[in-house]
C-alpha atoms as a PDB file:
ATOM      1  CA  MET A   1       0.042  -0.112  -0.057  1.00  0.00           C
ATOM      2  CA  GLN A   2       3.026   2.538   0.794  1.00  0.00           C
ATOM      3  CA  ARG A   3       4.318   1.744  -2.724  1.00  0.00           C
ATOM      4  CA  ARG A   4       1.351   2.656  -4.310  1.00  0.00           C
ATOM      5  CA  HIS A   5       1.450   6.112  -2.711  1.00  0.00           C
ATOM      6  CA  TRP A   6       4.948   6.813  -3.375  1.00  0.00           C
ATOM      7  CA  ILE A   7       4.535   5.918  -6.908  1.00  0.00           C
ATOM      8  CA  ALA A   8       1.341   7.905  -7.118  1.00  0.00           C
ATOM      9  CA  GLY A   9       3.485  10.883  -5.705  1.00  0.00           C
ATOM     10  CA  VAL A  10       6.046  10.478  -8.164  1.00  0.00           C
ATOM     11  CA  PHE A  11       3.739  10.310 -10.943  1.00  0.00           C
ATOM     12  CA  GLY A  12       1.834  13.762  -9.316  1.00  0.00           C
ATOM     13  CA  VAL A  13       5.168  15.505  -9.432  1.00  0.00           C
ATOM     14  CA  PHE A  14       6.083  14.715 -12.773  1.00  0.00           C
ATOM     15  CA  ALA A  15       2.458  15.498 -14.116  1.00  0.00           C
ATOM     16  CA  ALA A  16       2.777  19.142 -12.399  1.00  0.00           C
ATOM     17  CA  ALA A  17       6.169  19.444 -13.832  1.00  0.00           C
ATOM     18  CA  THR A  18       4.928  18.481 -17.284  1.00  0.00           C
ATOM     19  CA  ALA A  19       2.030  20.972 -17.012  1.00  0.00           C
ATOM     20  CA  ASN A  20       4.165  23.618 -15.868  1.00  0.00           C
ATOM     21  CA  LEU A  21       6.587  23.066 -19.282  1.00  0.00           C
ATOM     22  CA  ARG A  22       3.196  23.258 -21.217  1.00  0.00           C
ATOM     23  CA  ALA A  23       2.291  26.631 -19.793  1.00  0.00           C
ATOM     24  CA  GLN A  24       5.955  28.009 -20.556  1.00  0.00           C
ATOM     25  CA  ASP A  25       5.899  26.583 -24.105  1.00  0.00           C
ATOM     26  CA  LYS A  26       2.327  28.378 -24.744  1.00  0.00           C
ATOM     27  CA  ALA A  27       4.174  31.777 -23.665  1.00  0.00           C
ATOM     28  CA  GLY A  28       7.039  31.140 -26.193  1.00  0.00           C
ATOM     29  CA  ALA A  29       9.280  32.589 -23.176  1.00  0.00           C
ATOM     30  CA  THR A  30      12.664  30.981 -22.730  1.00  0.00           C
ATOM     31  CA  ARG A  31      12.980  29.692 -19.035  1.00  0.00           C
ATOM     32  CA  LEU A  32      15.264  31.797 -17.075  1.00  0.00           C
ATOM     33  CA  VAL A  33      16.978  29.487 -14.482  1.00  0.00           C
ATOM     34  CA  LYS A  34      18.951  30.861 -11.737  1.00  0.00           C
ATOM     35  CA  SER A  35      20.267  29.833  -8.285  1.00  0.00           C
ATOM     36  CA  PRO A  36      18.485  31.529  -5.111  1.00  0.00           C
ATOM     37  CA  ALA A  37      22.014  33.084  -4.313  1.00  0.00           C
ATOM     38  CA  GLU A  38      22.091  34.917  -7.729  1.00  0.00           C
ATOM     39  CA  TRP A  39      18.329  36.121  -7.538  1.00  0.00           C
ATOM     40  CA  ARG A  40      19.461  37.486  -4.006  1.00  0.00           C
ATOM     41  CA  LYS A  41      22.015  39.627  -5.385  1.00  0.00           C
ATOM     42  CA  LEU A  42      19.670  40.926  -8.102  1.00  0.00           C
ATOM     43  CA  LEU A  43      16.535  41.760  -5.733  1.00  0.00           C
ATOM     44  CA  SER A  44      15.957  43.015  -2.327  1.00  0.00           C
ATOM     45  CA  PHE A  45      15.080  40.767   0.497  1.00  0.00           C
ATOM     46  CA  ASP A  46      11.471  41.432   0.377  1.00  0.00           C
ATOM     47  CA  SER A  47      11.239  40.915  -3.396  1.00  0.00           C
ATOM     48  CA  PHE A  48      13.134  37.773  -3.293  1.00  0.00           C
ATOM     49  CA  ASN A  49      10.901  36.429  -0.071  1.00  0.00           C
ATOM     50  CA  ILE A  50       7.901  36.998  -2.335  1.00  0.00           C
ATOM     51  CA  LEU A  51       9.007  35.995  -5.621  1.00  0.00           C
ATOM     52  CA  PHE A  52      10.939  32.782  -4.865  1.00  0.00           C
ATOM     53  CA  GLU A  53       9.826  31.940  -1.332  1.00  0.00           C
ATOM     54  CA  GLU A  54       5.922  32.681  -1.956  1.00  0.00           C
ATOM     55  CA  GLY A  55       5.753  35.400   0.557  1.00  0.00           C
ATOM     56  CA  THR A  56       3.184  38.222   0.686  1.00  0.00           C
ATOM     57  CA  GLU A  57       3.480  41.978   1.421  1.00  0.00           C
ATOM     58  CA  PRO A  58       1.237  43.640   3.901  1.00  0.00           C
ATOM     59  CA  PRO A  59      -2.072  44.822   2.139  1.00  0.00           C
ATOM     60  CA  GLY A  60      -1.978  48.349   1.077  1.00  0.00           C
ATOM     61  CA  SER A  61       2.114  48.732   1.340  1.00  0.00           C
ATOM     62  CA  SER A  62       2.616  49.128  -2.265  1.00  0.00           C
ATOM     63  CA  PRO A  63       2.873  52.214  -4.418  1.00  0.00           C
ATOM     64  CA  LEU A  64       1.666  50.400  -7.162  1.00  0.00           C
ATOM     65  CA  ASN A  65      -1.771  50.368  -5.723  1.00  0.00           C
ATOM     66  CA  ASN A  66      -2.566  53.873  -6.402  1.00  0.00           C
ATOM     67  CA  GLU A  67      -0.692  53.546 -10.267  1.00  0.00           C
ATOM     68  CA  LYS A  68      -2.935  54.745 -12.670  1.00  0.00           C
ATOM     69  CA  ARG A  69      -1.009  55.975 -15.582  1.00  0.00           C
ATOM     70  CA  PRO A  70      -0.841  54.092 -19.144  1.00  0.00           C
ATOM     71  CA  GLY A  71       1.768  51.345 -19.077  1.00  0.00           C
ATOM     72  CA  THR A  72       3.003  47.982 -18.604  1.00  0.00           C
ATOM     73  CA  PHE A  73       3.521  45.964 -15.440  1.00  0.00           C
ATOM     74  CA  ILE A  74       6.497  43.577 -15.969  1.00  0.00           C
ATOM     75  CA  CYS A  75       8.191  40.902 -13.449  1.00  0.00           C
ATOM     76  CA  ALA A  76      10.569  42.371 -11.028  1.00  0.00           C
ATOM     77  CA  ALA A  77      12.696  39.475 -11.427  1.00  0.00           C
ATOM     78  CA  CYS A  78      13.196  38.740 -15.240  1.00  0.00           C
ATOM     79  CA  PHE A  79      11.493  42.007 -16.521  1.00  0.00           C
ATOM     80  CA  LEU A  80       8.947  39.898 -18.476  1.00  0.00           C
ATOM     81  CA  PRO A  81       5.668  41.974 -19.339  1.00  0.00           C
ATOM     82  CA  LEU A  82       2.984  40.354 -17.604  1.00  0.00           C
ATOM     83  CA  PHE A  83      -0.106  43.234 -17.215  1.00  0.00           C
ATOM     84  CA  ASP A  84      -1.069  45.874 -19.442  1.00  0.00           C
ATOM     85  CA  SER A  85      -2.400  48.763 -16.972  1.00  0.00           C
ATOM     86  CA  ALA A  86      -5.582  48.940 -18.968  1.00  0.00           C
ATOM     87  CA  LYS A  87      -6.542  45.626 -17.258  1.00  0.00           C
ATOM     88  CA  LYS A  88      -5.760  47.075 -13.243  1.00  0.00           C
ATOM     89  CA  TYR A  89      -8.733  48.092 -11.158  1.00  0.00           C
ATOM     90  CA  GLU A  90      -9.541  48.943  -7.254  1.00  0.00           C
ATOM     91  CA  SER A  91     -10.290  45.706  -5.914  1.00  0.00           C
ATOM     92  CA  GLY A  92     -10.307  47.208  -2.323  1.00  0.00           C
ATOM     93  CA  THR A  93      -8.069  44.126  -1.203  1.00  0.00           C
ATOM     94  CA  GLY A  94      -4.977  46.336  -0.353  1.00  0.00           C
ATOM     95  CA  TRP A  95      -2.704  44.634  -3.390  1.00  0.00           C
ATOM     96  CA  PRO A  96      -2.462  45.768  -7.033  1.00  0.00           C
ATOM     97  CA  SER A  97      -5.202  43.971  -9.044  1.00  0.00           C
ATOM     98  CA  PHE A  98      -6.128  42.849 -12.591  1.00  0.00           C
ATOM     99  CA  TRP A  99      -9.086  41.252 -14.674  1.00  0.00           C
ATOM    100  CA  ASP A 100      -6.675  39.908 -17.004  1.00  0.00           C
ATOM    101  CA  THR A 101      -2.768  38.943 -18.218  1.00  0.00           C
ATOM    102  CA  LEU A 102      -1.008  39.269 -20.912  1.00  0.00           C
ATOM    103  CA  PRO A 103      -1.474  36.141 -23.099  1.00  0.00           C
ATOM    104  CA  GLY A 104       0.698  32.897 -22.153  1.00  0.00           C
ATOM    105  CA  VAL A 105       2.894  34.473 -19.719  1.00  0.00           C
ATOM    106  CA  MET A 106       1.448  33.097 -16.527  1.00  0.00           C
ATOM    107  CA  GLY A 107       1.491  29.354 -14.936  1.00  0.00           C
ATOM    108  CA  THR A 108      -0.585  28.058 -11.991  1.00  0.00           C
ATOM    109  CA  LYS A 109      -0.702  25.601  -9.418  1.00  0.00           C
ATOM    110  CA  LYS A 110      -2.955  24.981  -6.256  1.00  0.00           C
ATOM    111  CA  ASP A 111      -1.944  26.280  -2.962  1.00  0.00           C
ATOM    112  CA  PHE A 112      -2.925  24.861   0.051  1.00  0.00           C
ATOM    113  CA  LYS A 113      -1.345  27.123   2.696  1.00  0.00           C
ATOM    114  CA  LEU A 114      -4.364  28.659   3.986  1.00  0.00           C
ATOM    115  CA  ILE A 115      -6.009  25.045   4.191  1.00  0.00           C
ATOM    116  CA  PHE A 116      -8.634  25.659   1.442  1.00  0.00           C
ATOM    117  CA  PRO A 117      -7.137  25.524  -1.959  1.00  0.00           C
ATOM    118  CA  ARG A 118      -6.204  28.757  -4.012  1.00  0.00           C
ATOM    119  CA  THR A 119      -4.770  29.143  -7.451  1.00  0.00           C
ATOM    120  CA  GLU A 120      -1.469  30.633  -7.127  1.00  0.00           C
ATOM    121  CA  TYR A 121       0.077  32.246 -10.410  1.00  0.00           C
ATOM    122  CA  HIS A 122       3.650  32.940 -11.168  1.00  0.00           C
ATOM    123  CA  CYS A 123       5.597  34.153 -13.903  1.00  0.00           C
ATOM    124  CA  VAL A 124       6.346  31.410 -16.971  1.00  0.00           C
ATOM    125  CA  ARG A 125       9.933  32.530 -17.461  1.00  0.00           C
ATOM    126  CA  CYS A 126      11.492  32.619 -13.873  1.00  0.00           C
ATOM    127  CA  GLY A 127       9.035  30.801 -11.752  1.00  0.00           C
ATOM    128  CA  GLY A 128       8.252  34.091  -9.644  1.00  0.00           C
ATOM    129  CA  HIS A 129       5.383  33.923  -7.778  1.00  0.00           C
ATOM    130  CA  GLN A 130       3.265  37.051  -7.804  1.00  0.00           C
ATOM    131  CA  GLY A 131      -0.025  36.169  -6.289  1.00  0.00           C
ATOM    132  CA  HIS A 132      -3.136  34.154  -6.466  1.00  0.00           C
ATOM    133  CA  VAL A 133      -6.302  34.416  -8.875  1.00  0.00           C
ATOM    134  CA  PHE A 134      -9.965  34.332  -7.500  1.00  0.00           C
ATOM    135  CA  ASP A 135     -13.004  34.224  -9.567  1.00  0.00           C
ATOM    136  CA  ASP A 136     -14.548  37.556  -7.804  1.00  0.00           C
ATOM    137  CA  GLY A 137     -13.267  39.847 -10.518  1.00  0.00           C
ATOM    138  CA  PRO A 138     -15.212  42.446 -13.007  1.00  0.00           C
ATOM    139  CA  LYS A 139     -16.452  41.553 -16.151  1.00  0.00           C
ATOM    140  CA  PRO A 140     -15.507  40.513 -19.036  1.00  0.00           C
ATOM    141  CA  THR A 141     -12.982  37.731 -17.326  1.00  0.00           C
ATOM    142  CA  GLY A 142     -14.609  37.715 -13.758  1.00  0.00           C
ATOM    143  CA  LEU A 143     -10.995  37.107 -12.410  1.00  0.00           C
ATOM    144  CA  ARG A 144      -9.010  38.968  -9.842  1.00  0.00           C
ATOM    145  CA  TYR A 145      -5.472  38.626 -10.131  1.00  0.00           C
ATOM    146  CA  CYS A 146      -4.393  39.950  -6.852  1.00  0.00           C
ATOM    147  CA  ASN A 147      -0.851  40.622  -7.295  1.00  0.00           C
ATOM    148  CA  ASN A 148       2.142  41.470  -4.847  1.00  0.00           C
ATOM    149  CA  GLY A 149       3.714  44.946  -5.632  1.00  0.00           C
ATOM    150  CA  LEU A 150       6.989  43.913  -4.893  1.00  0.00           C
ATOM    151  CA  ALA A 151       6.790  41.354  -7.555  1.00  0.00           C
ATOM    152  CA  LEU A 152       6.200  43.788 -10.353  1.00  0.00           C
ATOM    153  CA  ARG A 153       7.664  46.836 -11.707  1.00  0.00           C
ATOM    154  CA  PHE A 154       5.692  49.507 -13.829  1.00  0.00           C
ATOM    155  CA  VAL A 155       7.157  51.102 -17.080  1.00  0.00           C
ATOM    156  CA  PRO A 156       4.937  54.023 -18.081  1.00  0.00           C
ATOM    157  CA  ARG A 157       3.652  54.124 -21.819  1.00  0.00           C
ATOM    158  CA  GLY A 158       6.442  55.911 -23.975  1.00  0.00           C
ATOM    159  CA  GLU A 159       9.054  54.298 -21.958  1.00  0.00           C
ATOM    160  CA  LYS A 160      11.320  51.569 -23.490  1.00  0.00           C
ATOM    161  CA  LEU A 161      10.705  48.443 -21.810  1.00  0.00           C
ATOM    162  CA  PRO A 162      14.052  47.076 -20.060  1.00  0.00           C
ATOM    163  CA  ALA A 163      15.827  43.877 -21.858  1.00  0.00           C
ATOM    164  CA  LEU A 164      14.683  40.582 -20.542  1.00  0.00           C
ATOM    165  CA  ARG A 165      17.239  39.291 -17.783  1.00  0.00           C
ATOM    166  CA  THR A 166      19.832  36.710 -18.877  1.00  0.00           C
END
């Protein structure tokens, strides 16, 4: 009986990894792999904690909550464009919220940290944790991508997007 559980667990890990690879292939983004030490050199302590240890910033703490200019929100780790500002809205949660992403830039997985299942989403290029997606958002998608501000950078429209990190 225990061997059956072990085999099922190994299969589950393989299936999850394969699903993640499929999400990356759809995005057309080349996967960026760096060691935790390399990411720590590039990111603040808090950004590293959120992006690569799945932390969460306090609600209301991000200046991006009040960002209303046209532009693009990019991954703070690898600089992949993730959201267009036209899809940002005030959700009242204290975190920057969006009703849709740019096409093919997010992977998802189930998160059981609060006991009930939630859907975590992450950048398909670097794997950086962005936040959780819920089904209580506005039309047309009905989704709320609740994002950590420290996992993003904002580039105003008219400014050049930074080159993707290598």
